[in-house]
């Protein structure tokens, strides 16, 4: 039912807005943005460059990636070109026009690999991923309707990290681009640590005063042999 609804929404926006789209630039590439979709956030290039560098330095071979709060898809689409091991990328965003723009920018395969979703609520088939990546909303104040930028009371972050473990493969990691002036590191760390199935891996500073990457993985499962045996 939801897939049919998604397709109907996409076709609606294709017909209604196709003649009102525009070409936008990101990292040397052109992307189509429908009217009402979010423009690319240029800070996402910091996240992409860092992610590719980490993958190469750690010899990761990720096969699956989830671009959450994907906008028009610039992170996932760019990563697909720069990380050869990736075989599957899933996209979700709360704005239907972002998803419609994504479908204009990607291949026909993407239609079964995306959803209009508030966070992870509508991810198909309880999929798991090697990487979950995002430049999420991280301003605490602003127009309430500006959901692409504003995360009042860190609602999105709290809901996401409460169930993030369900969407990670055993060695999977979450990489979010955050802004220190809006969300202190300790605030994110505290949210993550409320979920005992997640492990806080630390941060990477991209800018001395502003951007950082929060890194989160799964808490290792204790082996039976590691359990204390009563005498």
C-alpha atoms as a PDB file:
ATOM      1  CA  UNK A   1       0.000   0.000   0.000  1.00  0.00           C
ATOM      2  CA  UNK A   2       2.745   2.466   0.958  1.00  0.00           C
ATOM      3  CA  UNK A   3       4.751   1.730  -2.205  1.00  0.00           C
ATOM      4  CA  UNK A   4       1.670   2.453  -4.328  1.00  0.00           C
ATOM      5  CA  UNK A   5       1.066   5.662  -2.388  1.00  0.00           C
ATOM      6  CA  UNK A   6       4.693   6.663  -2.896  1.00  0.00           C
ATOM      7  CA  UNK A   7       4.457   6.100  -6.643  1.00  0.00           C
ATOM      8  CA  UNK A   8       1.243   8.116  -6.852  1.00  0.00           C
ATOM      9  CA  UNK A   9       2.883  10.995  -4.977  1.00  0.00           C
ATOM     10  CA  UNK A  10       5.907  10.864  -7.239  1.00  0.00           C
ATOM     11  CA  UNK A  11       3.813  10.934 -10.387  1.00  0.00           C
ATOM     12  CA  UNK A  12       1.754  13.809  -9.009  1.00  0.00           C
ATOM     13  CA  UNK A  13       4.822  15.941  -8.414  1.00  0.00           C
ATOM     14  CA  UNK A  14       6.346  14.920 -11.739  1.00  0.00           C
ATOM     15  CA  UNK A  15       3.248  16.140 -13.614  1.00  0.00           C
ATOM     16  CA  UNK A  16       2.609  19.223 -11.507  1.00  0.00           C
ATOM     17  CA  UNK A  17       6.127  20.480 -11.028  1.00  0.00           C
ATOM     18  CA  UNK A  18       8.297  19.116 -13.813  1.00  0.00           C
ATOM     19  CA  UNK A  19       8.220  22.411 -15.688  1.00  0.00           C
ATOM     20  CA  UNK A  20       9.266  24.271 -12.531  1.00  0.00           C
ATOM     21  CA  UNK A  21      12.461  22.421 -11.699  1.00  0.00           C
ATOM     22  CA  UNK A  22      15.917  23.909 -11.588  1.00  0.00           C
ATOM     23  CA  UNK A  23      19.487  22.735 -11.935  1.00  0.00           C
ATOM     24  CA  UNK A  24      21.666  23.095  -8.845  1.00  0.00           C
ATOM     25  CA  UNK A  25      25.389  22.431  -8.436  1.00  0.00           C
ATOM     26  CA  UNK A  26      27.130  20.284  -5.852  1.00  0.00           C
ATOM     27  CA  UNK A  27      30.744  19.129  -5.868  1.00  0.00           C
ATOM     28  CA  UNK A  28      31.104  19.758  -9.581  1.00  0.00           C
ATOM     29  CA  UNK A  29      27.914  17.894 -10.545  1.00  0.00           C
ATOM     30  CA  UNK A  30      24.473  19.111 -11.562  1.00  0.00           C
ATOM     31  CA  UNK A  31      21.317  17.936  -9.799  1.00  0.00           C
ATOM     32  CA  UNK A  32      17.655  18.547 -10.533  1.00  0.00           C
ATOM     33  CA  UNK A  33      15.631  20.176  -7.765  1.00  0.00           C
ATOM     34  CA  UNK A  34      11.863  20.433  -8.008  1.00  0.00           C
ATOM     35  CA  UNK A  35      10.078  23.460  -6.629  1.00  0.00           C
ATOM     36  CA  UNK A  36       9.536  22.889  -2.923  1.00  0.00           C
ATOM     37  CA  UNK A  37      12.519  20.555  -2.561  1.00  0.00           C
ATOM     38  CA  UNK A  38      15.471  21.455  -0.380  1.00  0.00           C
ATOM     39  CA  UNK A  39      18.602  22.825  -2.099  1.00  0.00           C
ATOM     40  CA  UNK A  40      21.845  20.928  -1.523  1.00  0.00           C
ATOM     41  CA  UNK A  41      23.584  21.811   1.705  1.00  0.00           C
ATOM     42  CA  UNK A  42      27.148  22.538   0.641  1.00  0.00           C
ATOM     43  CA  UNK A  43      28.436  21.438   4.057  1.00  0.00           C
ATOM     44  CA  UNK A  44      27.558  17.883   3.022  1.00  0.00           C
ATOM     45  CA  UNK A  45      30.763  17.861   0.966  1.00  0.00           C
ATOM     46  CA  UNK A  46      32.700  17.924   4.246  1.00  0.00           C
ATOM     47  CA  UNK A  47      30.826  14.800   5.352  1.00  0.00           C
ATOM     48  CA  UNK A  48      31.300  12.984   2.042  1.00  0.00           C
ATOM     49  CA  UNK A  49      35.022  13.740   1.837  1.00  0.00           C
ATOM     50  CA  UNK A  50      35.515  12.630   5.438  1.00  0.00           C
ATOM     51  CA  UNK A  51      33.491   9.433   4.908  1.00  0.00           C
ATOM     52  CA  UNK A  52      35.408   8.421   1.780  1.00  0.00           C
ATOM     53  CA  UNK A  53      38.704   9.116   3.551  1.00  0.00           C
ATOM     54  CA  UNK A  54      37.683   7.016   6.570  1.00  0.00           C
ATOM     55  CA  UNK A  55      36.571   4.148   4.355  1.00  0.00           C
ATOM     56  CA  UNK A  56      39.877   4.165   2.512  1.00  0.00           C
ATOM     57  CA  UNK A  57      42.075   4.541   5.598  1.00  0.00           C
ATOM     58  CA  UNK A  58      40.328   1.744   7.523  1.00  0.00           C
ATOM     59  CA  UNK A  59      40.028  -0.585   4.516  1.00  0.00           C
ATOM     60  CA  UNK A  60      36.291  -0.777   4.983  1.00  0.00           C
ATOM     61  CA  UNK A  61      34.371  -2.499   2.210  1.00  0.00           C
ATOM     62  CA  UNK A  62      30.815  -1.282   2.850  1.00  0.00           C
ATOM     63  CA  UNK A  63      28.199  -2.875   0.644  1.00  0.00           C
ATOM     64  CA  UNK A  64      25.139  -1.011   1.920  1.00  0.00           C
ATOM     65  CA  UNK A  65      24.500   2.591   2.916  1.00  0.00           C
ATOM     66  CA  UNK A  66      21.445   4.423   4.220  1.00  0.00           C
ATOM     67  CA  UNK A  67      21.189   8.132   3.398  1.00  0.00           C
ATOM     68  CA  UNK A  68      18.652   9.345   5.967  1.00  0.00           C
ATOM     69  CA  UNK A  69      17.231  12.881   5.674  1.00  0.00           C
ATOM     70  CA  UNK A  70      18.588  12.560   2.146  1.00  0.00           C
ATOM     71  CA  UNK A  71      17.155  15.730   0.624  1.00  0.00           C
ATOM     72  CA  UNK A  72      17.490  15.384  -3.143  1.00  0.00           C
ATOM     73  CA  UNK A  73      20.023  12.589  -2.660  1.00  0.00           C
ATOM     74  CA  UNK A  74      23.382  14.302  -3.025  1.00  0.00           C
ATOM     75  CA  UNK A  75      25.172  12.297  -0.307  1.00  0.00           C
ATOM     76  CA  UNK A  76      24.082   8.847  -1.435  1.00  0.00           C
ATOM     77  CA  UNK A  77      24.412   9.589  -5.141  1.00  0.00           C
ATOM     78  CA  UNK A  78      27.898  11.057  -4.685  1.00  0.00           C
ATOM     79  CA  UNK A  79      29.022   8.205  -2.423  1.00  0.00           C
ATOM     80  CA  UNK A  80      27.837   5.677  -5.008  1.00  0.00           C
ATOM     81  CA  UNK A  81      30.377   7.129  -7.442  1.00  0.00           C
ATOM     82  CA  UNK A  82      33.247   7.410  -4.966  1.00  0.00           C
ATOM     83  CA  UNK A  83      32.949   4.118  -3.047  1.00  0.00           C
ATOM     84  CA  UNK A  84      33.216   1.176  -5.493  1.00  0.00           C
ATOM     85  CA  UNK A  85      32.250  -1.493  -2.930  1.00  0.00           C
ATOM     86  CA  UNK A  86      28.761  -0.038  -2.410  1.00  0.00           C
ATOM     87  CA  UNK A  87      26.097  -2.262  -3.945  1.00  0.00           C
ATOM     88  CA  UNK A  88      22.945  -0.922  -2.322  1.00  0.00           C
ATOM     89  CA  UNK A  89      21.941   2.570  -1.161  1.00  0.00           C
ATOM     90  CA  UNK A  90      18.651   3.400   0.519  1.00  0.00           C
ATOM     91  CA  UNK A  91      17.215   6.908   0.800  1.00  0.00           C
ATOM     92  CA  UNK A  92      14.524   8.466   2.966  1.00  0.00           C
ATOM     93  CA  UNK A  93      13.242  11.964   3.575  1.00  0.00           C
ATOM     94  CA  UNK A  94      10.109  13.490   5.063  1.00  0.00           C
ATOM     95  CA  UNK A  95       9.596  15.864   2.114  1.00  0.00           C
ATOM     96  CA  UNK A  96       7.880  14.151  -0.887  1.00  0.00           C
ATOM     97  CA  UNK A  97       9.350  16.724  -3.253  1.00  0.00           C
ATOM     98  CA  UNK A  98      12.854  15.802  -2.151  1.00  0.00           C
ATOM     99  CA  UNK A  99      12.144  12.169  -2.995  1.00  0.00           C
ATOM    100  CA  UNK A 100      10.639  13.162  -6.359  1.00  0.00           C
ATOM    101  CA  UNK A 101      13.807  15.154  -7.086  1.00  0.00           C
ATOM    102  CA  UNK A 102      15.920  12.168  -6.048  1.00  0.00           C
ATOM    103  CA  UNK A 103      14.139   9.998  -8.607  1.00  0.00           C
ATOM    104  CA  UNK A 104      14.924  12.499 -11.327  1.00  0.00           C
ATOM    105  CA  UNK A 105      18.598  12.468 -10.332  1.00  0.00           C
ATOM    106  CA  UNK A 106      19.067   8.726  -9.893  1.00  0.00           C
ATOM    107  CA  UNK A 107      18.420   5.589 -11.887  1.00  0.00           C
ATOM    108  CA  UNK A 108      15.135   3.711 -12.174  1.00  0.00           C
ATOM    109  CA  UNK A 109      16.396   1.283  -9.527  1.00  0.00           C
ATOM    110  CA  UNK A 110      16.024   3.966  -6.856  1.00  0.00           C
ATOM    111  CA  UNK A 111      12.214   3.810  -6.979  1.00  0.00           C
ATOM    112  CA  UNK A 112      12.332   0.644  -4.836  1.00  0.00           C
ATOM    113  CA  UNK A 113      15.119   1.990  -2.636  1.00  0.00           C
ATOM    114  CA  UNK A 114      13.566   5.091  -1.125  1.00  0.00           C
ATOM    115  CA  UNK A 115      10.686   6.144   1.074  1.00  0.00           C
ATOM    116  CA  UNK A 116       8.918   9.249   2.285  1.00  0.00           C
ATOM    117  CA  UNK A 117       9.627   8.839   5.966  1.00  0.00           C
ATOM    118  CA  UNK A 118       9.872  10.752   9.214  1.00  0.00           C
ATOM    119  CA  UNK A 119      13.173   9.333  10.397  1.00  0.00           C
ATOM    120  CA  UNK A 120      13.344   5.532  10.152  1.00  0.00           C
ATOM    121  CA  UNK A 121       9.617   4.960  10.612  1.00  0.00           C
ATOM    122  CA  UNK A 122       8.947   3.832   7.032  1.00  0.00           C
ATOM    123  CA  UNK A 123      12.135   1.966   6.125  1.00  0.00           C
ATOM    124  CA  UNK A 124      11.095  -1.047   4.075  1.00  0.00           C
ATOM    125  CA  UNK A 125      11.547  -4.605   5.328  1.00  0.00           C
ATOM    126  CA  UNK A 126      13.595  -3.758   8.425  1.00  0.00           C
ATOM    127  CA  UNK A 127      16.778  -3.512   6.385  1.00  0.00           C
ATOM    128  CA  UNK A 128      20.234  -3.327   7.944  1.00  0.00           C
ATOM    129  CA  UNK A 129      23.161  -1.295   6.671  1.00  0.00           C
ATOM    130  CA  UNK A 130      26.930  -1.046   6.911  1.00  0.00           C
ATOM    131  CA  UNK A 131      26.766   2.763   7.048  1.00  0.00           C
ATOM    132  CA  UNK A 132      23.996   5.160   8.037  1.00  0.00           C
ATOM    133  CA  UNK A 133      24.988   8.656   7.020  1.00  0.00           C
ATOM    134  CA  UNK A 134      23.315  12.049   7.245  1.00  0.00           C
ATOM    135  CA  UNK A 135      23.592  15.804   7.375  1.00  0.00           C
ATOM    136  CA  UNK A 136      20.524  15.961   9.633  1.00  0.00           C
ATOM    137  CA  UNK A 137      18.513  18.908  10.963  1.00  0.00           C
ATOM    138  CA  UNK A 138      20.594  20.334  13.770  1.00  0.00           C
ATOM    139  CA  UNK A 139      19.330  23.798  14.595  1.00  0.00           C
ATOM    140  CA  UNK A 140      17.414  23.892  17.860  1.00  0.00           C
ATOM    141  CA  UNK A 141      15.440  27.024  17.069  1.00  0.00           C
ATOM    142  CA  UNK A 142      13.814  28.498  13.997  1.00  0.00           C
ATOM    143  CA  UNK A 143      10.629  28.179  12.003  1.00  0.00           C
ATOM    144  CA  UNK A 144       8.868  24.997  13.099  1.00  0.00           C
ATOM    145  CA  UNK A 145       7.913  24.242   9.500  1.00  0.00           C
ATOM    146  CA  UNK A 146      11.561  24.194   8.455  1.00  0.00           C
ATOM    147  CA  UNK A 147      12.000  20.510   9.279  1.00  0.00           C
ATOM    148  CA  UNK A 148      15.050  20.237   7.054  1.00  0.00           C
ATOM    149  CA  UNK A 149      17.000  22.470   9.440  1.00  0.00           C
ATOM    150  CA  UNK A 150      15.239  22.610  12.807  1.00  0.00           C
ATOM    151  CA  UNK A 151      15.239  19.776  15.345  1.00  0.00           C
ATOM    152  CA  UNK A 152      13.464  21.254  18.344  1.00  0.00           C
ATOM    153  CA  UNK A 153      14.361  19.502  21.596  1.00  0.00           C
ATOM    154  CA  UNK A 154      16.510  17.136  19.490  1.00  0.00           C
ATOM    155  CA  UNK A 155      13.371  15.127  18.741  1.00  0.00           C
ATOM    156  CA  UNK A 156      14.723  13.625  15.518  1.00  0.00           C
ATOM    157  CA  UNK A 157      18.024  12.622  17.129  1.00  0.00           C
ATOM    158  CA  UNK A 158      16.323  11.058  20.155  1.00  0.00           C
ATOM    159  CA  UNK A 159      13.903   9.019  18.043  1.00  0.00           C
ATOM    160  CA  UNK A 160      16.589   7.923  15.609  1.00  0.00           C
ATOM    161  CA  UNK A 161      19.123   6.762  18.194  1.00  0.00           C
ATOM    162  CA  UNK A 162      16.425   4.972  20.189  1.00  0.00           C
ATOM    163  CA  UNK A 163      16.114   2.420  17.371  1.00  0.00           C
ATOM    164  CA  UNK A 164      19.277   2.892  15.291  1.00  0.00           C
ATOM    165  CA  UNK A 165      20.637  -0.495  16.414  1.00  0.00           C
ATOM    166  CA  UNK A 166      17.849  -2.195  14.491  1.00  0.00           C
ATOM    167  CA  UNK A 167      19.217  -0.854  11.191  1.00  0.00           C
ATOM    168  CA  UNK A 168      22.942  -1.562  11.594  1.00  0.00           C
ATOM    169  CA  UNK A 169      24.864  -4.616  10.491  1.00  0.00           C
ATOM    170  CA  UNK A 170      27.213  -6.076  13.153  1.00  0.00           C
ATOM    171  CA  UNK A 171      30.149  -3.835  12.197  1.00  0.00           C
ATOM    172  CA  UNK A 172      27.999  -0.978  10.927  1.00  0.00           C
ATOM    173  CA  UNK A 173      28.446   2.644  11.918  1.00  0.00           C
ATOM    174  CA  UNK A 174      26.377   5.846  12.016  1.00  0.00           C
ATOM    175  CA  UNK A 175      28.054   9.028  10.767  1.00  0.00           C
ATOM    176  CA  UNK A 176      26.203  12.309  11.296  1.00  0.00           C
ATOM    177  CA  UNK A 177      27.475  15.779  10.500  1.00  0.00           C
ATOM    178  CA  UNK A 178      26.709  18.079  13.436  1.00  0.00           C
ATOM    179  CA  UNK A 179      27.347  21.692  14.382  1.00  0.00           C
ATOM    180  CA  UNK A 180      29.036  22.381  17.693  1.00  0.00           C
ATOM    181  CA  UNK A 181      27.521  25.848  18.027  1.00  0.00           C
ATOM    182  CA  UNK A 182      24.021  24.354  17.967  1.00  0.00           C
ATOM    183  CA  UNK A 183      24.415  20.865  19.428  1.00  0.00           C
ATOM    184  CA  UNK A 184      27.286  20.266  21.866  1.00  0.00           C
ATOM    185  CA  UNK A 185      29.032  16.919  21.600  1.00  0.00           C
ATOM    186  CA  UNK A 186      27.914  15.931  25.104  1.00  0.00           C
ATOM    187  CA  UNK A 187      24.258  16.327  24.093  1.00  0.00           C
ATOM    188  CA  UNK A 188      24.607  13.809  21.252  1.00  0.00           C
ATOM    189  CA  UNK A 189      26.743  11.464  23.375  1.00  0.00           C
ATOM    190  CA  UNK A 190      24.127  11.509  26.133  1.00  0.00           C
ATOM    191  CA  UNK A 191      21.338  10.637  23.696  1.00  0.00           C
ATOM    192  CA  UNK A 192      23.334   7.776  22.176  1.00  0.00           C
ATOM    193  CA  UNK A 193      24.245   6.315  25.557  1.00  0.00           C
ATOM    194  CA  UNK A 194      20.589   5.988  26.578  1.00  0.00           C
ATOM    195  CA  UNK A 195      20.451   3.094  24.112  1.00  0.00           C
ATOM    196  CA  UNK A 196      22.565   0.320  25.639  1.00  0.00           C
ATOM    197  CA  UNK A 197      22.741  -1.469  22.300  1.00  0.00           C
ATOM    198  CA  UNK A 198      24.734   1.403  20.801  1.00  0.00           C
ATOM    199  CA  UNK A 199      28.348   2.337  21.403  1.00  0.00           C
ATOM    200  CA  UNK A 200      29.635   5.897  21.257  1.00  0.00           C
ATOM    201  CA  UNK A 201      32.748   5.817  19.055  1.00  0.00           C
ATOM    202  CA  UNK A 202      33.678   9.481  19.425  1.00  0.00           C
ATOM    203  CA  UNK A 203      33.883  12.443  17.097  1.00  0.00           C
ATOM    204  CA  UNK A 204      36.041  13.835  14.324  1.00  0.00           C
ATOM    205  CA  UNK A 205      36.359  17.622  14.245  1.00  0.00           C
ATOM    206  CA  UNK A 206      36.119  19.083  10.767  1.00  0.00           C
ATOM    207  CA  UNK A 207      36.256  22.678  11.856  1.00  0.00           C
ATOM    208  CA  UNK A 208      37.679  24.046  15.073  1.00  0.00           C
ATOM    209  CA  UNK A 209      34.532  25.975  15.999  1.00  0.00           C
ATOM    210  CA  UNK A 210      31.711  24.466  14.021  1.00  0.00           C
ATOM    211  CA  UNK A 211      31.410  21.086  12.280  1.00  0.00           C
ATOM    212  CA  UNK A 212      32.099  17.645  13.683  1.00  0.00           C
ATOM    213  CA  UNK A 213      31.193  14.059  12.800  1.00  0.00           C
ATOM    214  CA  UNK A 214      29.554  11.933  15.473  1.00  0.00           C
ATOM    215  CA  UNK A 215      30.420   8.234  15.140  1.00  0.00           C
ATOM    216  CA  UNK A 216      28.264   5.489  16.615  1.00  0.00           C
ATOM    217  CA  UNK A 217      28.392   1.698  16.367  1.00  0.00           C
ATOM    218  CA  UNK A 218      26.826  -1.327  18.001  1.00  0.00           C
ATOM    219  CA  UNK A 219      27.702  -2.498  21.496  1.00  0.00           C
ATOM    220  CA  UNK A 220      29.644  -5.765  21.091  1.00  0.00           C
ATOM    221  CA  UNK A 221      27.721  -8.799  22.230  1.00  0.00           C
ATOM    222  CA  UNK A 222      29.228 -10.653  25.143  1.00  0.00           C
ATOM    223  CA  UNK A 223      30.318 -14.160  24.326  1.00  0.00           C
ATOM    224  CA  UNK A 224      29.162 -16.906  26.632  1.00  0.00           C
ATOM    225  CA  UNK A 225      32.776 -17.732  27.368  1.00  0.00           C
ATOM    226  CA  UNK A 226      33.250 -14.170  28.648  1.00  0.00           C
ATOM    227  CA  UNK A 227      30.468 -14.465  31.174  1.00  0.00           C
ATOM    228  CA  UNK A 228      31.545 -14.882  34.782  1.00  0.00           C
ATOM    229  CA  UNK A 229      31.016 -18.423  36.033  1.00  0.00           C
ATOM    230  CA  UNK A 230      29.922 -18.788  39.612  1.00  0.00           C
ATOM    231  CA  UNK A 231      32.221 -21.014  41.713  1.00  0.00           C
END
